[in-house]
Amino acid sequence: MKMETRMKANRQQRIPEPEATTIAESEIREDQIRVRAYEIYLERNGEPGDPIEDWLQAEAELNTPKLAMAQVA
């Protein structure tokens, strides 16, 4: 396929714009994870740790349905 034909085909394929609510929800979710990761750090009394592990733990906790969290407690 010629370069011009590929470029024309790419222009014809429209990638949908993300909805504003999706972006806002994503930012809110990221803030929630950030706050929870900081809480995990504080629960360690500020002792050194792995911030990536804190982030992943926070993300996992927030992705766990509330009902499952209640059963664990």
PDB file of N, CA and C in Angstrom:
ATOM      1  N   MET A   1       0.849  -1.171   0.000  1.00  0.00           N
ATOM      2  CA  MET A   1       0.000   0.000   0.000  1.00  0.00           C
ATOM      3  C   MET A   1       0.895   1.235   0.000  1.00  0.00           C
ATOM      4  N   LYS A   2       0.584   2.171  -0.844  1.00  0.00           N
ATOM      5  CA  LYS A   2       1.376   3.394  -0.927  1.00  0.00           C
ATOM      6  C   LYS A   2       1.180   4.246   0.318  1.00  0.00           C
ATOM      7  N   MET A   3       2.189   5.065   0.590  1.00  0.00           N
ATOM      8  CA  MET A   3       2.149   5.940   1.769  1.00  0.00           C
ATOM      9  C   MET A   3       0.951   6.875   1.723  1.00  0.00           C
ATOM     10  N   GLU A   4       0.654   7.454   0.572  1.00  0.00           N
ATOM     11  CA  GLU A   4      -0.481   8.384   0.451  1.00  0.00           C
ATOM     12  C   GLU A   4      -1.786   7.678   0.768  1.00  0.00           C
ATOM     13  N   THR A   5      -1.921   6.446   0.295  1.00  0.00           N
ATOM     14  CA  THR A   5      -3.154   5.693   0.539  1.00  0.00           C
ATOM     15  C   THR A   5      -3.305   5.399   2.026  1.00  0.00           C
ATOM     16  N   ARG A   6      -2.194   5.026   2.682  1.00  0.00           N
ATOM     17  CA  ARG A   6      -2.245   4.754   4.122  1.00  0.00           C
ATOM     18  C   ARG A   6      -2.604   6.002   4.908  1.00  0.00           C
ATOM     19  N   MET A   7      -2.027   7.133   4.533  1.00  0.00           N
ATOM     20  CA  MET A   7      -2.318   8.383   5.234  1.00  0.00           C
ATOM     21  C   MET A   7      -3.780   8.755   5.068  1.00  0.00           C
ATOM     22  N   LYS A   8      -4.310   8.565   3.865  1.00  0.00           N
ATOM     23  CA  LYS A   8      -5.717   8.874   3.602  1.00  0.00           C
ATOM     24  C   LYS A   8      -6.613   7.952   4.432  1.00  0.00           C
ATOM     25  N   ALA A   9      -6.263   6.679   4.495  1.00  0.00           N
ATOM     26  CA  ALA A   9      -7.051   5.723   5.281  1.00  0.00           C
ATOM     27  C   ALA A   9      -7.019   6.098   6.756  1.00  0.00           C
ATOM     28  N   ASN A  10      -5.871   6.527   7.249  1.00  0.00           N
ATOM     29  CA  ASN A  10      -5.759   6.929   8.655  1.00  0.00           C
ATOM     30  C   ASN A  10      -6.615   8.153   8.956  1.00  0.00           C
ATOM     31  N   ARG A  11      -6.677   9.086   8.028  1.00  0.00           N
ATOM     32  CA  ARG A  11      -7.498  10.284   8.245  1.00  0.00           C
ATOM     33  C   ARG A  11      -8.975   9.945   8.263  1.00  0.00           C
ATOM     34  N   GLN A  12      -9.361   8.924   7.519  1.00  0.00           N
ATOM     35  CA  GLN A  12     -10.770   8.547   7.449  1.00  0.00           C
ATOM     36  C   GLN A  12     -11.220   7.824   8.715  1.00  0.00           C
ATOM     37  N   GLN A  13     -10.288   7.169   9.395  1.00  0.00           N
ATOM     38  CA  GLN A  13     -10.625   6.483  10.642  1.00  0.00           C
ATOM     39  C   GLN A  13     -10.645   7.507  11.766  1.00  0.00           C
ATOM     40  N   ARG A  14     -11.781   7.742  12.303  1.00  0.00           N
ATOM     41  CA  ARG A  14     -11.923   8.715  13.385  1.00  0.00           C
ATOM     42  C   ARG A  14     -11.850   8.000  14.721  1.00  0.00           C
ATOM     43  N   ILE A  15     -10.986   8.476  15.571  1.00  0.00           N
ATOM     44  CA  ILE A  15     -10.911   7.957  16.927  1.00  0.00           C
ATOM     45  C   ILE A  15     -11.839   8.812  17.764  1.00  0.00           C
ATOM     46  N   PRO A  16     -12.788   8.166  18.457  1.00  0.00           N
ATOM     47  CA  PRO A  16     -13.741   8.958  19.239  1.00  0.00           C
ATOM     48  C   PRO A  16     -13.045   9.726  20.353  1.00  0.00           C
ATOM     49  N   GLU A  17     -13.510  10.938  20.575  1.00  0.00           N
ATOM     50  CA  GLU A  17     -12.993  11.775  21.653  1.00  0.00           C
ATOM     51  C   GLU A  17     -13.475  11.195  22.980  1.00  0.00           C
ATOM     52  N   PRO A  18     -12.604  11.154  23.985  1.00  0.00           N
ATOM     53  CA  PRO A  18     -13.078  10.678  25.284  1.00  0.00           C
ATOM     54  C   PRO A  18     -14.104  11.647  25.855  1.00  0.00           C
ATOM     55  N   GLU A  19     -15.099  11.087  26.513  1.00  0.00           N
ATOM     56  CA  GLU A  19     -16.129  11.933  27.104  1.00  0.00           C
ATOM     57  C   GLU A  19     -15.552  12.667  28.314  1.00  0.00           C
ATOM     58  N   ALA A  20     -16.039  13.857  28.549  1.00  0.00           N
ATOM     59  CA  ALA A  20     -15.545  14.670  29.665  1.00  0.00           C
ATOM     60  C   ALA A  20     -15.749  13.949  30.994  1.00  0.00           C
ATOM     61  N   THR A  21     -16.875  13.256  31.143  1.00  0.00           N
ATOM     62  CA  THR A  21     -17.129  12.562  32.404  1.00  0.00           C
ATOM     63  C   THR A  21     -16.122  11.442  32.603  1.00  0.00           C
ATOM     64  N   THR A  22     -15.712  10.801  31.540  1.00  0.00           N
ATOM     65  CA  THR A  22     -14.732   9.731  31.659  1.00  0.00           C
ATOM     66  C   THR A  22     -13.409  10.288  32.171  1.00  0.00           C
ATOM     67  N   ILE A  23     -12.995  11.409  31.648  1.00  0.00           N
ATOM     68  CA  ILE A  23     -11.747  12.042  32.083  1.00  0.00           C
ATOM     69  C   ILE A  23     -11.868  12.468  33.539  1.00  0.00           C
ATOM     70  N   ALA A  24     -12.971  13.090  33.894  1.00  0.00           N
ATOM     71  CA  ALA A  24     -13.177  13.546  35.268  1.00  0.00           C
ATOM     72  C   ALA A  24     -13.205  12.349  36.220  1.00  0.00           C
ATOM     73  N   GLU A  25     -13.898  11.279  35.836  1.00  0.00           N
ATOM     74  CA  GLU A  25     -13.958  10.092  36.682  1.00  0.00           C
ATOM     75  C   GLU A  25     -12.578   9.485  36.851  1.00  0.00           C
ATOM     76  N   SER A  26     -11.806   9.489  35.800  1.00  0.00           N
ATOM     77  CA  SER A  26     -10.447   8.951  35.850  1.00  0.00           C
ATOM     78  C   SER A  26      -9.583   9.756  36.814  1.00  0.00           C
ATOM     79  N   GLU A  27      -9.711  11.077  36.762  1.00  0.00           N
ATOM     80  CA  GLU A  27      -8.936  11.937  37.659  1.00  0.00           C
ATOM     81  C   GLU A  27      -9.366  11.745  39.113  1.00  0.00           C
ATOM     82  N   ILE A  28     -10.660  11.597  39.345  1.00  0.00           N
ATOM     83  CA  ILE A  28     -11.170  11.367  40.694  1.00  0.00           C
ATOM     84  C   ILE A  28     -10.640  10.040  41.222  1.00  0.00           C
ATOM     85  N   ARG A  29     -10.670   9.020  40.369  1.00  0.00           N
ATOM     86  CA  ARG A  29     -10.189   7.698  40.764  1.00  0.00           C
ATOM     87  C   ARG A  29      -8.699   7.746  41.125  1.00  0.00           C
ATOM     88  N   GLU A  30      -7.933   8.445  40.309  1.00  0.00           N
ATOM     89  CA  GLU A  30      -6.503   8.568  40.575  1.00  0.00           C
ATOM     90  C   GLU A  30      -6.259   9.278  41.907  1.00  0.00           C
ATOM     91  N   ASP A  31      -7.054  10.298  42.199  1.00  0.00           N
ATOM     92  CA  ASP A  31      -6.937  11.004  43.482  1.00  0.00           C
ATOM     93  C   ASP A  31      -7.257  10.076  44.644  1.00  0.00           C
ATOM     94  N   GLN A  32      -8.291   9.234  44.478  1.00  0.00           N
ATOM     95  CA  GLN A  32      -8.654   8.286  45.527  1.00  0.00           C
ATOM     96  C   GLN A  32      -7.516   7.309  45.794  1.00  0.00           C
ATOM     97  N   ILE A  33      -6.903   6.822  44.732  1.00  0.00           N
ATOM     98  CA  ILE A  33      -5.784   5.892  44.875  1.00  0.00           C
ATOM     99  C   ILE A  33      -4.614   6.590  45.555  1.00  0.00           C
ATOM    100  N   ARG A  34      -4.337   7.812  45.138  1.00  0.00           N
ATOM    101  CA  ARG A  34      -3.223   8.572  45.721  1.00  0.00           C
ATOM    102  C   ARG A  34      -3.422   8.767  47.224  1.00  0.00           C
ATOM    103  N   VAL A  35      -4.635   9.135  47.626  1.00  0.00           N
ATOM    104  CA  VAL A  35      -4.931   9.358  49.046  1.00  0.00           C
ATOM    105  C   VAL A  35      -4.772   8.054  49.823  1.00  0.00           C
ATOM    106  N   ARG A  36      -5.313   6.956  49.280  1.00  0.00           N
ATOM    107  CA  ARG A  36      -5.213   5.668  49.984  1.00  0.00           C
ATOM    108  C   ARG A  36      -3.758   5.208  50.084  1.00  0.00           C
ATOM    109  N   ALA A  37      -2.972   5.412  49.026  1.00  0.00           N
ATOM    110  CA  ALA A  37      -1.558   5.042  49.067  1.00  0.00           C
ATOM    111  C   ALA A  37      -0.836   5.833  50.154  1.00  0.00           C
ATOM    112  N   TYR A  38      -1.183   7.095  50.301  1.00  0.00           N
ATOM    113  CA  TYR A  38      -0.585   7.923  51.355  1.00  0.00           C
ATOM    114  C   TYR A  38      -1.005   7.410  52.735  1.00  0.00           C
ATOM    115  N   GLU A  39      -2.260   6.989  52.870  1.00  0.00           N
ATOM    116  CA  GLU A  39      -2.729   6.434  54.137  1.00  0.00           C
ATOM    117  C   GLU A  39      -1.944   5.162  54.491  1.00  0.00           C
ATOM    118  N   ILE A  40      -1.661   4.343  53.487  1.00  0.00           N
ATOM    119  CA  ILE A  40      -0.879   3.122  53.709  1.00  0.00           C
ATOM    120  C   ILE A  40       0.509   3.496  54.220  1.00  0.00           C
ATOM    121  N   TYR A  41       1.095   4.513  53.621  1.00  0.00           N
ATOM    122  CA  TYR A  41       2.395   5.021  54.062  1.00  0.00           C
ATOM    123  C   TYR A  41       2.322   5.478  55.515  1.00  0.00           C
ATOM    124  N   LEU A  42       1.268   6.208  55.857  1.00  0.00           N
ATOM    125  CA  LEU A  42       1.110   6.693  57.235  1.00  0.00           C
ATOM    126  C   LEU A  42       0.899   5.540  58.208  1.00  0.00           C
ATOM    127  N   GLU A  43       0.200   4.491  57.751  1.00  0.00           N
ATOM    128  CA  GLU A  43      -0.017   3.319  58.602  1.00  0.00           C
ATOM    129  C   GLU A  43       1.305   2.628  58.946  1.00  0.00           C
ATOM    130  N   ARG A  44       2.320   2.830  58.116  1.00  0.00           N
ATOM    131  CA  ARG A  44       3.667   2.323  58.394  1.00  0.00           C
ATOM    132  C   ARG A  44       4.435   3.314  59.261  1.00  0.00           C
ATOM    133  N   ASN A  45       3.759   4.326  59.752  1.00  0.00           N
ATOM    134  CA  ASN A  45       4.381   5.399  60.547  1.00  0.00           C
ATOM    135  C   ASN A  45       5.460   6.124  59.755  1.00  0.00           C
ATOM    136  N   GLY A  46       5.263   6.237  58.470  1.00  0.00           N
ATOM    137  CA  GLY A  46       6.197   6.968  57.634  1.00  0.00           C
ATOM    138  C   GLY A  46       7.511   6.243  57.383  1.00  0.00           C
ATOM    139  N   GLU A  47       7.554   4.969  57.756  1.00  0.00           N
ATOM    140  CA  GLU A  47       8.772   4.189  57.535  1.00  0.00           C
ATOM    141  C   GLU A  47       8.977   4.008  56.027  1.00  0.00           C
ATOM    142  N   PRO A  48      10.245   3.887  55.605  1.00  0.00           N
ATOM    143  CA  PRO A  48      10.504   3.684  54.177  1.00  0.00           C
ATOM    144  C   PRO A  48       9.779   2.439  53.655  1.00  0.00           C
ATOM    145  N   GLY A  49       9.364   2.532  52.447  1.00  0.00           N
ATOM    146  CA  GLY A  49       8.677   1.426  51.795  1.00  0.00           C
ATOM    147  C   GLY A  49       8.731   1.630  50.296  1.00  0.00           C
ATOM    148  N   ASP A  50       7.960   0.858  49.599  1.00  0.00           N
ATOM    149  CA  ASP A  50       7.927   0.938  48.145  1.00  0.00           C
ATOM    150  C   ASP A  50       6.664   1.682  47.719  1.00  0.00           C
ATOM    151  N   PRO A  51       6.801   2.906  47.210  1.00  0.00           N
ATOM    152  CA  PRO A  51       5.608   3.676  46.822  1.00  0.00           C
ATOM    153  C   PRO A  51       4.790   2.990  45.732  1.00  0.00           C
ATOM    154  N   ILE A  52       5.442   2.222  44.886  1.00  0.00           N
ATOM    155  CA  ILE A  52       4.693   1.514  43.841  1.00  0.00           C
ATOM    156  C   ILE A  52       3.834   0.429  44.467  1.00  0.00           C
ATOM    157  N   GLU A  53       4.383  -0.280  45.451  1.00  0.00           N
ATOM    158  CA  GLU A  53       3.597  -1.299  46.151  1.00  0.00           C
ATOM    159  C   GLU A  53       2.423  -0.652  46.886  1.00  0.00           C
ATOM    160  N   ASP A  54       2.663   0.507  47.501  1.00  0.00           N
ATOM    161  CA  ASP A  54       1.581   1.228  48.177  1.00  0.00           C
ATOM    162  C   ASP A  54       0.478   1.576  47.183  1.00  0.00           C
ATOM    163  N   TRP A  55       0.884   2.059  46.013  1.00  0.00           N
ATOM    164  CA  TRP A  55      -0.082   2.442  44.971  1.00  0.00           C
ATOM    165  C   TRP A  55      -0.878   1.219  44.533  1.00  0.00           C
ATOM    166  N   LEU A  56      -0.186   0.112  44.267  1.00  0.00           N
ATOM    167  CA  LEU A  56      -0.867  -1.095  43.797  1.00  0.00           C
ATOM    168  C   LEU A  56      -1.809  -1.654  44.861  1.00  0.00           C
ATOM    169  N   GLN A  57      -1.387  -1.586  46.119  1.00  0.00           N
ATOM    170  CA  GLN A  57      -2.259  -2.048  47.198  1.00  0.00           C
ATOM    171  C   GLN A  57      -3.500  -1.169  47.289  1.00  0.00           C
ATOM    172  N   ALA A  58      -3.305   0.136  47.206  1.00  0.00           N
ATOM    173  CA  ALA A  58      -4.432   1.071  47.259  1.00  0.00           C
ATOM    174  C   ALA A  58      -5.392   0.810  46.100  1.00  0.00           C
ATOM    175  N   GLU A  59      -4.839   0.605  44.932  1.00  0.00           N
ATOM    176  CA  GLU A  59      -5.661   0.333  43.751  1.00  0.00           C
ATOM    177  C   GLU A  59      -6.462  -0.954  43.944  1.00  0.00           C
ATOM    178  N   ALA A  60      -5.804  -1.990  44.447  1.00  0.00           N
ATOM    179  CA  ALA A  60      -6.479  -3.270  44.676  1.00  0.00           C
ATOM    180  C   ALA A  60      -7.596  -3.120  45.707  1.00  0.00           C
ATOM    181  N   GLU A  61      -7.318  -2.395  46.788  1.00  0.00           N
ATOM    182  CA  GLU A  61      -8.338  -2.187  47.819  1.00  0.00           C
ATOM    183  C   GLU A  61      -9.547  -1.449  47.253  1.00  0.00           C
ATOM    184  N   LEU A  62      -9.291  -0.439  46.451  1.00  0.00           N
ATOM    185  CA  LEU A  62     -10.398   0.350  45.900  1.00  0.00           C
ATOM    186  C   LEU A  62     -11.157  -0.409  44.817  1.00  0.00           C
ATOM    187  N   ASN A  63     -10.514  -1.393  44.203  1.00  0.00           N
ATOM    188  CA  ASN A  63     -11.190  -2.190  43.190  1.00  0.00           C
ATOM    189  C   ASN A  63     -11.984  -3.339  43.787  1.00  0.00           C
ATOM    190  N   THR A  64     -11.746  -3.638  45.061  1.00  0.00           N
ATOM    191  CA  THR A  64     -12.459  -4.714  45.736  1.00  0.00           C
ATOM    192  C   THR A  64     -13.854  -4.198  46.102  1.00  0.00           C
ATOM    193  N   PRO A  65     -14.865  -4.941  45.712  1.00  0.00           N
ATOM    194  CA  PRO A  65     -16.232  -4.509  46.063  1.00  0.00           C
ATOM    195  C   PRO A  65     -16.398  -4.365  47.571  1.00  0.00           C
ATOM    196  N   LYS A  66     -17.199  -3.407  47.980  1.00  0.00           N
ATOM    197  CA  LYS A  66     -17.405  -3.111  49.401  1.00  0.00           C
ATOM    198  C   LYS A  66     -17.909  -4.347  50.160  1.00  0.00           C
ATOM    199  N   LEU A  67     -18.775  -5.145  49.540  1.00  0.00           N
ATOM    200  CA  LEU A  67     -19.329  -6.329  50.187  1.00  0.00           C
ATOM    201  C   LEU A  67     -18.214  -7.305  50.527  1.00  0.00           C
ATOM    202  N   ALA A  68     -17.283  -7.509  49.610  1.00  0.00           N
ATOM    203  CA  ALA A  68     -16.172  -8.413  49.866  1.00  0.00           C
ATOM    204  C   ALA A  68     -15.291  -7.868  50.981  1.00  0.00           C
ATOM    205  N   MET A  69     -15.099  -6.570  51.049  1.00  0.00           N
ATOM    206  CA  MET A  69     -14.305  -5.972  52.116  1.00  0.00           C
ATOM    207  C   MET A  69     -14.987  -6.191  53.466  1.00  0.00           C
ATOM    208  N   ALA A  70     -16.307  -6.094  53.519  1.00  0.00           N
ATOM    209  CA  ALA A  70     -17.048  -6.280  54.762  1.00  0.00           C
ATOM    210  C   ALA A  70     -16.924  -7.731  55.241  1.00  0.00           C
ATOM    211  N   GLN A  71     -16.888  -8.686  54.313  1.00  0.00           N
ATOM    212  CA  GLN A  71     -16.764 -10.096  54.682  1.00  0.00           C
ATOM    213  C   GLN A  71     -15.382 -10.402  55.230  1.00  0.00           C
ATOM    214  N   VAL A  72     -14.352  -9.713  54.755  1.00  0.00           N
ATOM    215  CA  VAL A  72     -12.991  -9.919  55.222  1.00  0.00           C
ATOM    216  C   VAL A  72     -12.822  -9.384  56.637  1.00  0.00           C
ATOM    217  N   ALA A  73     -13.463  -8.278  56.936  1.00  0.00           N
ATOM    218  CA  ALA A  73     -13.304  -7.628  58.243  1.00  0.00           C
ATOM    219  C   ALA A  73     -13.971  -8.385  59.365  1.00  0.00           C
TER     220      ALA A  73
END
